[in-house]
Amino acid sequence: AHNEYGGSETMYKILILITAALVSSSAVADQNSAAEAELRETVIAFNKAYADNDVALYFSYFAEDADMYWSGARQTTAGYRDDWIVTVKAGGAVEKNGVSDLVIRMLPGNKAAIASFFIDYRFRGPDGEVTEEQAFETEVWQKMDDAWKVVGLHNNVIRLE
């Protein structure tokens, strides 16, 4: 059987299905792009809060039970926050926290993602000693109650010797 366009009915149905699939995949791609853009902005804001020494804002991005690792040990959100508050009150401060080569990998469903990037970092301790490091950081983010939260973080210092 032929349809009004001169083609076979089967071919017409196949074209309709292909068109529907393309439109559907385009909508999914748009959702992925929007979620990725939103998380990219969040990761940048998170690192800016750290660079600005805005303790309350910085820690608002962490899940309370986040799994973190740096400086050779696991860290808890509560322990890290308490240590950081003491350090800042004693006069310690981040002087630089430059992020480069940010890569976002969205996981299916756009409710979780992995962000990885390089950090160029300078910190002035309460005693005035300055530490400069470069590191590679990987963060696992999860959308919770309409907000992106860090649920996992691994920071690895790059040795430049």
Protein backbone atom coordinates (compact mmCIF):
# COMPACT_ATOMS: atom_id res chain seq x y z
CA ALA A 1 0.00 0.00 0.00
CA HIS A 2 1.14 3.53 -0.78
CA ASN A 3 0.40 6.65 1.20
CA GLU A 4 -0.56 10.10 -0.12
CA TYR A 5 3.15 10.98 -0.51
CA GLY A 6 3.75 8.20 -3.02
CA GLY A 7 5.83 6.01 -0.67
CA SER A 8 5.05 2.72 0.91
CA GLU A 9 3.09 2.73 4.16
CA THR A 10 5.91 0.79 5.88
CA MET A 11 8.54 3.31 4.78
CA TYR A 12 6.31 6.17 5.95
CA LYS A 13 6.00 4.57 9.42
CA ILE A 14 9.77 4.05 9.61
CA LEU A 15 10.37 7.73 8.78
CA ILE A 16 7.88 8.78 11.46
CA LEU A 17 9.66 6.56 14.03
CA ILE A 18 13.10 7.91 13.05
CA THR A 19 11.85 11.49 13.30
CA ALA A 20 10.32 10.81 16.73
CA ALA A 21 13.56 9.22 17.92
CA LEU A 22 15.63 12.18 16.71
CA VAL A 23 13.31 14.69 18.36
CA SER A 24 13.37 12.63 21.57
CA SER A 25 17.17 12.29 21.60
CA SER A 26 17.45 16.01 20.90
CA ALA A 27 15.30 16.76 23.97
CA VAL A 28 17.47 14.44 26.09
CA ALA A 29 20.62 16.14 24.77
CA ASP A 30 19.13 19.54 25.70
CA GLN A 31 18.38 18.27 29.22
CA ASN A 32 21.92 16.90 29.53
CA SER A 33 23.38 20.21 28.32
CA ALA A 34 21.26 22.21 30.75
CA ALA A 35 22.17 19.96 33.70
CA GLU A 36 25.85 20.07 32.74
CA ALA A 37 25.80 23.87 32.44
CA GLU A 38 24.08 24.16 35.83
CA LEU A 39 26.66 21.90 37.48
CA ARG A 40 29.56 23.71 35.76
CA GLU A 41 28.33 26.99 37.27
CA THR A 42 27.98 25.27 40.66
CA VAL A 43 31.53 23.85 40.58
CA ILE A 44 32.89 27.30 39.69
CA ALA A 45 30.86 28.94 42.50
CA PHE A 46 32.01 26.23 44.95
CA ASN A 47 35.67 26.89 44.14
CA LYS A 48 35.15 30.66 44.25
CA ALA A 49 33.62 30.38 47.75
CA TYR A 50 36.76 28.48 48.79
CA ALA A 51 39.05 31.07 47.18
CA ASP A 52 37.08 33.86 48.90
CA ASN A 53 37.39 32.11 52.28
CA ASP A 54 33.59 32.16 52.58
CA VAL A 55 33.38 29.23 54.97
CA ALA A 56 29.57 29.12 55.28
CA LEU A 57 28.96 29.25 51.53
CA TYR A 58 31.76 26.78 50.76
CA PHE A 59 30.45 24.16 53.20
CA SER A 60 26.87 24.64 52.00
CA TYR A 61 27.92 22.73 48.86
CA PHE A 62 28.88 19.57 50.80
CA ALA A 63 26.57 16.69 51.66
CA GLU A 64 26.83 16.11 55.40
CA ASP A 65 28.07 12.56 54.80
CA ALA A 66 30.45 13.33 51.92
CA ASP A 67 33.35 10.92 51.44
CA MET A 68 36.58 12.92 51.02
CA TYR A 69 40.26 12.13 50.70
CA TRP A 70 43.32 14.38 50.68
CA SER A 71 46.50 14.92 52.66
CA GLY A 72 46.84 11.14 53.00
CA ALA A 73 43.62 10.54 54.91
CA ARG A 74 39.85 10.30 54.70
CA GLN A 75 38.02 13.38 55.88
CA THR A 76 34.48 13.87 57.16
CA THR A 77 32.46 16.94 56.32
CA ALA A 78 32.05 17.84 60.01
CA GLY A 79 35.73 17.33 60.82
CA TYR A 80 36.88 19.26 57.76
CA ARG A 81 34.46 22.14 58.49
CA ASP A 82 35.58 22.34 62.15
CA ASP A 83 39.27 22.34 61.19
CA TRP A 84 38.71 24.92 58.48
CA ILE A 85 36.79 27.28 60.81
CA VAL A 86 39.65 27.11 63.36
CA THR A 87 42.24 27.74 60.62
CA VAL A 88 40.41 30.78 59.19
CA LYS A 89 39.73 32.25 62.65
CA ALA A 90 43.45 31.89 63.45
CA GLY A 91 44.32 33.93 60.35
CA GLY A 92 44.83 31.25 57.71
CA ALA A 93 43.49 32.02 54.26
CA VAL A 94 43.34 30.74 50.71
CA GLU A 95 45.10 33.30 48.54
CA LYS A 96 44.59 31.56 45.21
CA ASN A 97 42.46 28.66 43.98
CA GLY A 98 42.66 28.67 40.19
CA VAL A 99 40.64 25.99 38.40
CA SER A 100 41.53 24.86 34.88
CA ASP A 101 40.58 22.12 32.44
CA LEU A 102 37.21 21.49 34.10
CA VAL A 103 35.54 18.36 32.71
CA ILE A 104 31.97 17.41 33.67
CA ARG A 105 30.65 13.88 33.09
CA MET A 106 26.91 13.62 33.64
CA LEU A 107 25.60 10.23 34.74
CA PRO A 108 22.31 8.85 33.37
CA GLY A 109 19.31 10.71 34.74
CA ASN A 110 21.24 13.98 35.31
CA LYS A 111 21.06 13.57 39.10
CA ALA A 112 24.74 12.72 39.56
CA ALA A 113 27.95 13.72 37.85
CA ILE A 114 31.71 13.68 38.10
CA ALA A 115 33.71 16.89 37.86
CA SER A 116 37.48 16.83 37.46
CA PHE A 117 39.96 19.67 37.09
CA PHE A 118 43.41 21.01 37.88
CA ILE A 119 43.95 23.43 40.75
CA ASP A 120 46.67 26.05 41.11
CA TYR A 121 46.57 26.80 44.85
CA ARG A 122 48.23 29.12 47.35
CA PHE A 123 47.49 29.11 51.07
CA ARG A 124 48.80 31.34 53.86
CA GLY A 125 48.82 29.57 57.20
CA PRO A 126 48.03 31.28 60.51
CA ASP A 127 51.79 31.49 61.10
CA GLY A 128 52.28 33.38 57.81
CA GLU A 129 53.90 30.45 56.01
CA VAL A 130 52.81 30.25 52.37
CA THR A 131 52.19 26.92 50.64
CA GLU A 132 51.81 26.70 46.86
CA GLU A 133 50.64 23.51 45.20
CA GLN A 134 49.15 22.18 42.05
CA ALA A 135 46.64 19.37 42.32
CA PHE A 136 44.15 17.33 40.37
CA GLU A 137 40.73 17.07 41.95
CA THR A 138 37.85 14.73 41.24
CA GLU A 139 34.46 15.46 42.77
CA VAL A 140 31.27 13.43 42.72
CA TRP A 141 28.17 15.62 42.77
CA GLN A 142 24.58 14.57 43.41
CA LYS A 143 21.38 16.59 42.97
CA MET A 144 19.61 16.62 46.36
CA ASP A 145 16.47 18.66 47.02
CA ASP A 146 17.09 20.71 43.85
CA ALA A 147 20.67 21.56 44.84
CA TRP A 148 23.97 20.05 43.73
CA LYS A 149 26.00 18.65 46.64
CA VAL A 150 29.51 17.20 46.82
CA VAL A 151 29.16 13.58 47.93
CA GLY A 152 32.73 12.53 47.12
CA LEU A 153 36.00 14.40 46.70
CA HIS A 154 39.55 13.24 46.02
CA ASN A 155 42.40 15.74 45.82
CA ASN A 156 45.79 14.60 44.62
CA VAL A 157 48.76 16.98 44.88
CA ILE A 158 50.96 16.99 41.78
CA ARG A 159 54.62 16.71 42.72
CA LEU A 160 56.73 19.06 40.60
CA GLU A 161 60.19 17.99 41.72
